[in-house]
Amino acid sequence: MWYDEAVVYQIYPLGLCGAPEENDGVQAHRILRLLDWVDHIRDLGCTAVLLNPLFESDRHGYDTRDYFTVDRRLGTEEDLKTVCAAFHAAGLRVLFDGVFNHVGRGFWAFRDVREKKWDSPYKDWFRVDFGGNTGYNDGFWYKAWEGHYELVELNLQNPVVVGHQLDAIRSWVERFGIDGLRLDVAYCLSPDYLRQLRSFTDGLKPDFVLVGETLHGDYNRWMGDGLCHSVTNYECYKGLWSSFNDGNLFEIGHSLARQFGPESWTLYKGRRLLSFLDNHDVERIASKLRDKAHLVPAWGLLFGMPGVPAVYYGSEWGIEGRKHNGDGPLRPALEKPERNELTDWIASLAAARRRSRALQYGGYRNLFLTNRQIVFERAADGERVLVAVNAAGEGIDARFNIGAGRGVDLVTGREQEFGNGIPMPPYSTAFWRV
């Protein structure tokens, strides 16, 4: 399906568009700011756009008030239609963020329960105990996501609740033409719920993709036939930055081999997990890496490893952001995109990946691994590519039986005669087709 060959560009619209932190009830056409980003995203080599929460919410979008109404801080339904049409016209697929495990206290059905208590026809939409209470002193207790009582968990065993969400998804396809969903906290969603969702969306639109947010554990619990097509690869996210900071590329090398290697016990062979260096929930990679020279090989490793690479808005030109009193610094307002040498490098990586079946579909095999260098093989459809990453400030020759006498770097077009190994310049990545 299209997702297997995708490069995803992620945007947190409430942040990028400069919406007020609290929903002030004032409608503004901020989402139209994304029209200035369409050409940039396409020219970067991305093929899909993931838009984080867009619908009416209390504050940050993950506290939904209404699945059917565009957040008034972002604009109108027509505004969002205009933006999605512009992305599609540029050849970009569009994914929305589906926040289905919980809603905000301002969600219309929960407001009815707060007002009418046990007389509300919506009390079974939630896990409510009228013999208890919370810090909000509603006169009843309710189950909340990870104890955050501003996020009210839905009763997803209630078919009426699930039907309401499926109606919302159908409306998003009909109104905005979306091509898939990121499922927020998919690790909280049961396999039975995911199967209902997958069955519904499979019949809704061809190649409609479901990407689940997962953190740790066996991703096969949420990904596979009848479940999500893909999940977020947080295991390798951690390895991508700490391997460089700690001078220990064994960490990411062993993680990738465990996930995608040639052995029969490999966990996710043939699956394309969503890979990333940062996103709206974690610190920017330019802040996370202690040595900024590691940005170039880190991005190279991201695009060379198995999976679907994702770029979080602004990180392609190296903006920084650390968690400080919340997630605000990770989700800044930006007027227009910028471009620099890092942006050009990422665009060249995306172009190389687009031209290579091995980089899109190939397996994984470690060939050379030290604390600061890694070379691994990706092979598919008769094409063999060696991804060579050097995290050191000195060049070396990686000595091993390369099995080929000549190669061409898919990023630069440079040709190289090989002897017993590969020359690796300082702080570099090369995709050698051999």
Protein backbone atom coordinates (compact mmCIF):
# COMPACT_ATOMS: atom_id res chain seq x y z
CA MET A 1 0.00 0.00 0.00
CA TRP A 2 1.04 3.63 -0.40
CA TYR A 3 2.12 3.88 3.24
CA ASP A 4 4.91 1.34 2.74
CA GLU A 5 6.80 3.82 0.55
CA ALA A 6 5.81 6.98 2.44
CA VAL A 7 7.81 9.73 4.07
CA VAL A 8 5.56 11.40 6.65
CA TYR A 9 5.59 15.07 7.62
CA GLN A 10 4.03 15.68 11.04
CA ILE A 11 2.35 18.94 12.06
CA TYR A 12 0.79 19.90 15.38
CA PRO A 13 -1.63 22.53 13.99
CA LEU A 14 -2.70 24.15 17.26
CA GLY A 15 0.99 24.87 17.89
CA LEU A 16 2.29 25.76 14.43
CA CYS A 17 -0.71 28.00 13.74
CA GLY A 18 -0.33 29.92 17.02
CA ALA A 19 -3.66 29.03 18.62
CA PRO A 20 -4.23 30.18 22.22
CA GLU A 21 -3.47 27.49 24.77
CA GLU A 22 -7.00 27.54 26.17
CA ASN A 23 -10.03 27.35 23.90
CA ASP A 24 -11.23 30.96 24.06
CA GLY A 25 -14.31 30.30 21.93
CA VAL A 26 -13.16 32.79 19.28
CA GLN A 27 -13.11 31.48 15.73
CA ALA A 28 -10.03 32.37 13.70
CA HIS A 29 -8.84 31.07 10.34
CA ARG A 30 -5.40 30.01 11.55
CA ILE A 31 -5.35 26.61 9.80
CA LEU A 32 -4.97 28.41 6.46
CA ARG A 33 -1.38 29.14 7.49
CA LEU A 34 -0.61 25.56 6.41
CA LEU A 35 -1.14 26.56 2.78
CA ASP A 36 2.27 28.25 2.95
CA TRP A 37 3.83 24.89 3.86
CA VAL A 38 2.51 22.71 1.03
CA ASP A 39 5.33 23.30 -1.47
CA HIS A 40 7.97 23.02 1.25
CA ILE A 41 6.65 19.63 2.39
CA ARG A 42 6.50 18.31 -1.16
CA ASP A 43 9.96 19.65 -2.04
CA LEU A 44 11.38 18.06 1.09
CA GLY A 45 10.41 14.70 -0.42
CA CYS A 46 7.57 13.89 1.95
CA THR A 47 4.58 12.04 0.53
CA ALA A 48 2.11 12.26 3.42
CA VAL A 49 1.09 14.77 6.09
CA LEU A 50 0.04 13.78 9.60
CA LEU A 51 -2.08 16.45 11.26
CA ASN A 52 -2.37 16.18 15.02
CA PRO A 53 -5.75 17.01 16.65
CA LEU A 54 -7.98 19.30 14.64
CA PHE A 55 -11.38 19.03 16.29
CA GLU A 56 -13.02 21.07 19.01
CA SER A 57 -11.25 20.56 22.33
CA ASP A 58 -10.69 22.11 25.73
CA ARG A 59 -6.99 22.88 25.37
CA HIS A 60 -4.41 20.79 23.51
CA GLY A 61 -6.59 18.76 21.15
CA TYR A 62 -6.37 15.46 23.01
CA ASP A 63 -9.23 16.61 25.24
CA THR A 64 -11.96 16.48 22.58
CA ARG A 65 -15.26 18.30 22.93
CA ASP A 66 -16.79 17.30 19.59
CA TYR A 67 -15.51 14.88 16.92
CA PHE A 68 -17.51 16.58 14.18
CA THR A 69 -16.60 20.26 14.63
CA VAL A 70 -13.26 21.78 13.60
CA ASP A 71 -11.60 23.53 16.54
CA ARG A 72 -12.72 27.14 16.28
CA ARG A 73 -9.20 28.31 17.17
CA LEU A 74 -8.09 26.79 13.85
CA GLY A 75 -10.99 27.83 11.65
CA THR A 76 -13.99 26.45 9.87
CA GLU A 77 -14.84 23.23 8.09
CA GLU A 78 -14.30 25.04 4.78
CA ASP A 79 -10.84 26.15 5.93
CA LEU A 80 -9.84 22.58 6.69
CA LYS A 81 -11.29 21.38 3.39
CA THR A 82 -9.16 23.98 1.60
CA VAL A 83 -6.00 22.82 3.37
CA CYS A 84 -6.64 19.12 2.75
CA ALA A 85 -7.44 19.81 -0.90
CA ALA A 86 -4.14 21.68 -1.28
CA PHE A 87 -2.19 18.78 0.21
CA HIS A 88 -3.94 16.31 -2.05
CA ALA A 89 -3.38 18.50 -5.11
CA ALA A 90 0.36 18.42 -4.30
CA GLY A 91 0.29 14.62 -4.28
CA LEU A 92 0.39 14.32 -0.49
CA ARG A 93 -1.72 11.86 1.47
CA VAL A 94 -3.42 13.18 4.61
CA LEU A 95 -3.72 11.48 8.00
CA PHE A 96 -5.72 12.83 10.92
CA ASP A 97 -5.11 12.14 14.61
CA GLY A 98 -7.84 9.88 16.01
CA VAL A 99 -8.23 10.43 19.75
CA PHE A 100 -10.64 7.65 20.67
CA ASN A 101 -9.57 6.38 24.09
CA HIS A 102 -10.64 9.49 25.97
CA VAL A 103 -12.24 12.93 25.63
CA GLY A 104 -12.12 16.21 27.51
CA ARG A 105 -14.36 17.29 30.35
CA GLY A 106 -15.96 19.63 27.85
CA PHE A 107 -17.14 16.72 25.66
CA TRP A 108 -20.84 17.24 25.06
CA ALA A 109 -21.94 13.84 26.45
CA PHE A 110 -19.81 14.18 29.59
CA ARG A 111 -21.23 17.64 30.22
CA ASP A 112 -24.68 16.03 30.18
CA VAL A 113 -23.56 13.49 32.79
CA ARG A 114 -22.15 16.25 34.98
CA GLU A 115 -25.49 18.06 34.80
CA LYS A 116 -27.93 15.15 35.14
CA LYS A 117 -25.80 12.54 36.92
CA TRP A 118 -27.53 9.11 36.87
CA ASP A 119 -30.43 10.54 34.83
CA SER A 120 -28.17 11.23 31.86
CA PRO A 121 -28.73 8.92 28.89
CA TYR A 122 -24.95 9.11 28.29
CA LYS A 123 -23.77 7.81 31.67
CA ASP A 124 -22.85 4.47 30.08
CA TRP A 125 -20.54 6.22 27.62
CA PHE A 126 -18.03 6.46 30.50
CA ARG A 127 -16.81 4.42 33.48
CA VAL A 128 -18.72 6.23 36.22
CA ASP A 129 -19.18 5.49 39.92
CA PHE A 130 -21.82 7.70 41.54
CA GLY A 131 -20.60 6.63 44.98
CA GLY A 132 -17.25 8.34 44.54
CA ASN A 133 -15.75 11.68 43.60
CA THR A 134 -12.67 13.32 42.06
CA GLY A 135 -10.74 16.52 42.62
CA TYR A 136 -13.18 18.26 40.28
CA ASN A 137 -15.95 17.54 42.83
CA ASP A 138 -18.52 16.50 40.22
CA GLY A 139 -20.28 14.31 42.75
CA PHE A 140 -19.11 11.10 41.05
CA TRP A 141 -15.90 9.28 40.17
CA TYR A 142 -14.91 8.41 36.61
CA LYS A 143 -12.03 6.55 35.03
CA ALA A 144 -9.46 8.91 33.52
CA TRP A 145 -6.49 8.30 31.24
CA GLU A 146 -3.48 7.49 33.44
CA GLY A 147 -5.10 9.40 36.32
CA HIS A 148 -5.34 12.71 34.44
CA TYR A 149 -8.92 13.70 35.25
CA GLU A 150 -9.08 16.30 32.52
CA LEU A 151 -9.04 13.30 30.13
CA VAL A 152 -12.17 11.21 30.58
CA GLU A 153 -11.93 7.62 29.37
CA LEU A 154 -14.69 6.42 27.07
CA ASN A 155 -16.43 3.08 27.51
CA LEU A 156 -15.35 1.47 24.26
CA GLN A 157 -17.30 -1.68 25.08
CA ASN A 158 -20.46 0.36 24.52
CA PRO A 159 -21.39 -0.15 20.84
CA VAL A 160 -23.12 3.23 20.75
CA VAL A 161 -19.86 4.97 21.63
CA VAL A 162 -17.94 3.02 19.00
CA GLY A 163 -20.68 3.76 16.44
CA HIS A 164 -20.38 7.48 17.21
CA GLN A 165 -16.64 7.35 16.53
CA LEU A 166 -17.08 5.38 13.30
CA ASP A 167 -19.61 7.97 12.13
CA ALA A 168 -17.00 10.65 12.81
CA ILE A 169 -14.35 8.80 10.78
CA ARG A 170 -16.79 8.37 7.91
CA SER A 171 -17.53 12.08 8.00
CA TRP A 172 -13.80 12.91 7.93
CA VAL A 173 -13.37 10.83 4.79
CA GLU A 174 -16.46 12.31 3.14
CA ARG A 175 -15.67 15.92 4.07
CA PHE A 176 -11.87 16.02 3.93
CA GLY A 177 -10.85 12.97 1.91
CA ILE A 178 -8.39 11.69 4.51
CA ASP A 179 -6.24 8.65 3.76
CA GLY A 180 -5.60 7.31 7.23
CA LEU A 181 -5.43 7.85 10.97
CA ARG A 182 -2.85 8.03 13.71
CA LEU A 183 -4.47 6.36 16.71
CA ASP A 184 -3.58 8.20 19.89
CA VAL A 185 -2.53 5.93 22.80
CA ALA A 186 -3.27 2.84 20.72
CA TYR A 187 -1.58 0.85 23.49
CA CYS A 188 -4.72 1.55 25.55
CA LEU A 189 -7.07 0.22 22.85
CA SER A 190 -8.14 -3.41 23.00
CA PRO A 191 -7.54 -5.81 20.10
CA ASP A 192 -11.31 -6.22 19.74
CA TYR A 193 -11.74 -2.47 19.33
CA LEU A 194 -8.88 -2.27 16.84
CA ARG A 195 -10.41 -5.10 14.80
CA GLN A 196 -13.73 -3.23 14.62
CA LEU A 197 -11.90 -0.10 13.51
CA ARG A 198 -9.79 -1.92 10.92
CA SER A 199 -12.80 -3.77 9.48
CA PHE A 200 -14.73 -0.50 9.19
CA THR A 201 -11.93 1.51 7.60
CA ASP A 202 -10.98 -1.32 5.21
CA GLY A 203 -14.46 -1.00 3.75
CA LEU A 204 -14.47 2.78 3.88
CA LYS A 205 -11.64 3.62 1.48
CA PRO A 206 -9.00 1.55 -0.35
CA ASP A 207 -5.57 1.56 1.33
CA PHE A 208 -6.85 3.51 4.34
CA VAL A 209 -4.04 3.20 6.87
CA LEU A 210 -4.08 2.93 10.67
CA VAL A 211 -0.91 3.90 12.55
CA GLY A 212 -1.03 3.21 16.27
CA GLU A 213 0.84 5.14 18.94
CA THR A 214 2.69 2.50 20.98
CA LEU A 215 5.56 2.86 23.44
CA HIS A 216 7.02 -0.41 24.70
CA GLY A 217 6.32 -4.12 24.66
CA ASP A 218 5.62 -6.41 21.72
CA TYR A 219 4.19 -4.24 18.95
CA ASN A 220 2.47 -7.30 17.45
CA ARG A 221 -0.19 -6.87 20.13
CA TRP A 222 -1.48 -3.86 18.19
CA MET A 223 -0.12 -4.37 14.66
CA GLY A 224 -0.85 -7.05 12.08
CA ASP A 225 -3.66 -8.61 10.11
CA GLY A 226 -6.94 -7.09 11.27
CA LEU A 227 -5.17 -4.62 13.57
CA CYS A 228 -3.08 -1.49 12.91
CA HIS A 229 -1.01 -1.49 9.72
CA SER A 230 1.86 0.18 11.58
CA VAL A 231 2.85 1.53 14.99
CA THR A 232 5.32 4.07 16.34
CA ASN A 233 8.81 2.64 16.90
CA TYR A 234 9.68 4.12 20.29
CA GLU A 235 12.27 1.42 20.96
CA CYS A 236 14.40 2.64 18.08
CA TYR A 237 13.58 6.30 18.77
CA LYS A 238 15.46 5.97 22.03
CA GLY A 239 18.33 4.16 20.35
CA LEU A 240 18.59 6.75 17.60
CA TRP A 241 19.61 9.55 19.96
CA SER A 242 21.26 7.71 22.85
CA SER A 243 23.48 5.64 20.54
CA PHE A 244 25.08 8.88 19.36
CA ASN A 245 25.20 10.55 22.79
CA ASP A 246 26.71 7.51 24.48
CA GLY A 247 29.09 6.56 21.68
CA ASN A 248 27.34 3.19 21.52
CA LEU A 249 25.94 2.34 18.11
CA PHE A 250 25.63 -1.24 19.35
CA GLU A 251 22.37 -0.13 20.96
CA ILE A 252 20.60 0.85 17.76
CA GLY A 253 22.30 -1.93 15.80
CA HIS A 254 21.03 -4.61 18.16
CA SER A 255 17.55 -3.08 18.31
CA LEU A 256 17.26 -3.04 14.52
CA ALA A 257 18.57 -6.60 14.26
CA ARG A 258 16.09 -7.73 16.92
CA GLN A 259 13.23 -6.09 15.09
CA PHE A 260 14.06 -6.68 11.43
CA GLY A 261 17.03 -9.04 11.15
CA PRO A 262 17.22 -12.21 9.02
CA GLU A 263 16.69 -14.69 11.86
CA SER A 264 13.44 -16.64 12.14
CA TRP A 265 12.65 -15.09 15.52
CA THR A 266 12.81 -11.50 14.22
CA LEU A 267 9.83 -9.60 15.60
CA TYR A 268 8.67 -7.28 12.81
CA LYS A 269 10.12 -8.61 9.56
CA GLY A 270 8.11 -7.23 6.63
CA ARG A 271 6.40 -4.59 8.79
CA ARG A 272 7.04 -0.89 8.32
CA LEU A 273 6.95 0.85 11.68
CA LEU A 274 6.78 4.65 11.89
CA SER A 275 10.34 5.83 12.65
CA PHE A 276 11.20 9.27 14.01
CA LEU A 277 13.87 11.37 15.68
CA ASP A 278 11.34 13.56 17.48
CA ASN A 279 7.64 14.42 17.59
CA HIS A 280 5.14 16.56 19.50
CA ASP A 281 5.65 14.60 22.74
CA VAL A 282 9.45 14.44 22.98
CA GLU A 283 12.32 16.92 22.93
CA ARG A 284 13.62 18.05 19.54
CA ILE A 285 16.51 16.01 18.21
CA ALA A 286 18.65 19.16 17.87
CA SER A 287 18.27 19.62 21.63
CA LYS A 288 18.61 15.94 22.46
CA LEU A 289 21.94 15.37 20.70
CA ARG A 290 24.94 16.64 22.69
CA ASP A 291 27.04 17.03 19.53
CA LYS A 292 25.20 18.94 16.78
CA ALA A 293 27.50 17.30 14.22
CA HIS A 294 25.53 14.13 14.87
CA LEU A 295 22.42 15.61 13.23
CA VAL A 296 23.65 14.60 9.77
CA PRO A 297 24.37 10.91 10.54
CA ALA A 298 21.27 10.63 12.76
CA TRP A 299 18.99 11.74 9.94
CA GLY A 300 20.90 9.44 7.60
CA LEU A 301 20.35 6.49 9.93
CA LEU A 302 16.63 7.30 10.19
CA PHE A 303 16.18 7.21 6.41
CA GLY A 304 18.43 4.18 5.95
CA MET A 305 16.86 1.87 8.55
CA PRO A 306 13.70 -0.20 7.99
CA GLY A 307 10.45 1.65 8.56
CA VAL A 308 8.56 4.72 7.39
CA PRO A 309 10.53 7.88 8.32
CA ALA A 310 8.71 10.86 9.80
CA VAL A 311 9.82 14.51 9.94
CA TYR A 312 8.36 16.78 12.64
CA TYR A 313 7.77 20.35 11.49
CA GLY A 314 10.79 22.60 11.99
CA SER A 315 13.22 19.82 12.83
CA GLU A 316 14.25 19.67 9.17
CA TRP A 317 16.14 22.91 9.66
CA GLY A 318 17.27 22.08 13.18
CA ILE A 319 15.04 24.02 15.58
CA GLU A 320 15.45 23.16 19.25
CA GLY A 321 12.87 22.49 21.92
CA ARG A 322 13.00 21.06 25.42
CA LYS A 323 10.16 20.07 27.72
CA HIS A 324 9.71 22.93 30.17
CA ASN A 325 6.55 23.28 32.24
CA GLY A 326 4.65 21.21 29.71
CA ASP A 327 4.86 20.48 26.02
CA GLY A 328 4.50 24.05 24.71
CA PRO A 329 8.17 24.44 23.69
CA LEU A 330 7.87 21.26 21.59
CA ARG A 331 4.94 22.69 19.62
CA PRO A 332 5.95 26.24 18.66
CA ALA A 333 4.15 28.70 16.41
CA LEU A 334 5.99 29.14 13.10
CA GLU A 335 5.01 31.56 10.37
CA LYS A 336 6.66 29.96 7.35
CA PRO A 337 9.07 27.11 6.70
CA GLU A 338 12.81 27.67 6.44
CA ARG A 339 15.52 25.85 4.53
CA ASN A 340 19.22 25.34 5.20
CA GLU A 341 21.92 22.73 4.60
CA LEU A 342 20.24 20.27 6.98
CA THR A 343 16.98 20.63 5.06
CA ASP A 344 18.80 19.95 1.80
CA TRP A 345 20.43 16.88 3.33
CA ILE A 346 17.07 15.46 4.46
CA ALA A 347 15.56 16.14 1.02
CA SER A 348 18.45 14.23 -0.59
CA LEU A 349 17.88 11.31 1.80
CA ALA A 350 14.18 11.25 0.94
CA ALA A 351 14.99 11.29 -2.78
CA ALA A 352 17.43 8.40 -2.37
CA ARG A 353 14.85 6.38 -0.48
CA ARG A 354 12.24 7.07 -3.13
CA ARG A 355 14.55 5.66 -5.82
CA SER A 356 15.44 2.50 -3.91
CA ARG A 357 13.28 -0.57 -3.43
CA ALA A 358 15.91 -1.90 -1.04
CA LEU A 359 15.59 1.12 1.26
CA GLN A 360 11.79 0.94 1.12
CA TYR A 361 11.28 -2.81 1.36
CA GLY A 362 14.61 -4.44 2.20
CA GLY A 363 15.38 -6.52 5.25
CA TYR A 364 18.18 -5.82 7.70
CA ARG A 365 21.59 -7.42 8.35
CA ASN A 366 24.48 -5.98 10.35
CA LEU A 367 27.81 -6.17 8.54
CA PHE A 368 30.11 -3.94 10.59
CA LEU A 369 29.45 -2.58 14.06
CA THR A 370 31.58 -0.62 16.51
CA ASN A 371 30.85 2.01 19.14
CA ARG A 372 30.88 4.80 16.54
CA GLN A 373 30.35 3.09 13.17
CA ILE A 374 27.66 0.87 11.75
CA VAL A 375 27.23 -0.67 8.31
CA PHE A 376 24.14 -2.71 7.55
CA GLU A 377 22.64 -4.28 4.46
CA ARG A 378 19.21 -3.64 2.98
CA ALA A 379 18.24 -5.89 0.05
CA ALA A 380 15.06 -6.32 -2.00
CA ASP A 381 14.04 -7.14 -5.58
CA GLY A 382 17.61 -7.82 -6.66
CA GLU A 383 18.92 -4.51 -5.26
CA ARG A 384 21.51 -4.43 -2.48
CA VAL A 385 22.23 -1.24 -0.51
CA LEU A 386 24.78 -0.86 2.26
CA VAL A 387 23.97 1.90 4.76
CA ALA A 388 27.23 3.20 6.27
CA VAL A 389 27.08 5.57 9.26
CA ASN A 390 30.07 7.14 10.99
CA ALA A 391 29.38 8.99 14.25
CA ALA A 392 33.04 9.81 14.87
CA GLY A 393 34.85 13.05 14.09
CA GLU A 394 37.55 11.09 12.27
CA GLY A 395 37.29 9.15 9.05
CA ILE A 396 37.99 5.42 8.97
CA ASP A 397 37.96 2.51 6.56
CA ALA A 398 35.40 -0.05 7.72
CA ARG A 399 37.18 -3.34 6.99
CA PHE A 400 35.01 -6.35 6.25
CA ASN A 401 34.19 -8.64 3.35
CA ILE A 402 32.02 -6.29 1.35
CA GLY A 403 31.22 -8.80 -1.39
CA ALA A 404 31.34 -6.20 -4.16
CA GLY A 405 34.01 -4.30 -6.04
CA ARG A 406 32.16 -1.12 -6.84
CA GLY A 407 29.34 1.00 -5.45
CA VAL A 408 27.44 4.22 -6.03
CA ASP A 409 26.13 6.42 -3.23
CA LEU A 410 22.39 6.92 -3.82
CA VAL A 411 22.51 10.26 -1.98
CA THR A 412 25.39 11.99 -3.76
CA GLY A 413 25.81 9.91 -6.92
CA ARG A 414 29.48 9.41 -6.04
CA GLU A 415 31.05 6.17 -7.28
CA GLN A 416 33.58 4.20 -5.29
CA GLU A 417 35.87 1.23 -5.91
CA PHE A 418 35.88 -1.04 -2.87
CA GLY A 419 38.68 -3.22 -1.63
CA ASN A 420 38.18 -4.96 1.69
CA GLY A 421 35.81 -2.36 3.09
CA ILE A 422 34.15 1.04 2.92
CA PRO A 423 35.73 4.49 3.44
CA MET A 424 33.69 6.43 6.03
CA PRO A 425 34.28 10.20 6.31
CA PRO A 426 33.68 11.95 9.66
CA TYR A 427 30.05 12.41 10.77
CA SER A 428 28.69 10.82 7.59
CA THR A 429 26.05 8.56 6.11
CA ALA A 430 26.20 6.88 2.69
CA PHE A 431 23.73 4.61 0.93
CA TRP A 432 25.97 2.43 -1.24
CA ARG A 433 24.20 0.48 -3.99
CA VAL A 434 26.58 -2.41 -4.71
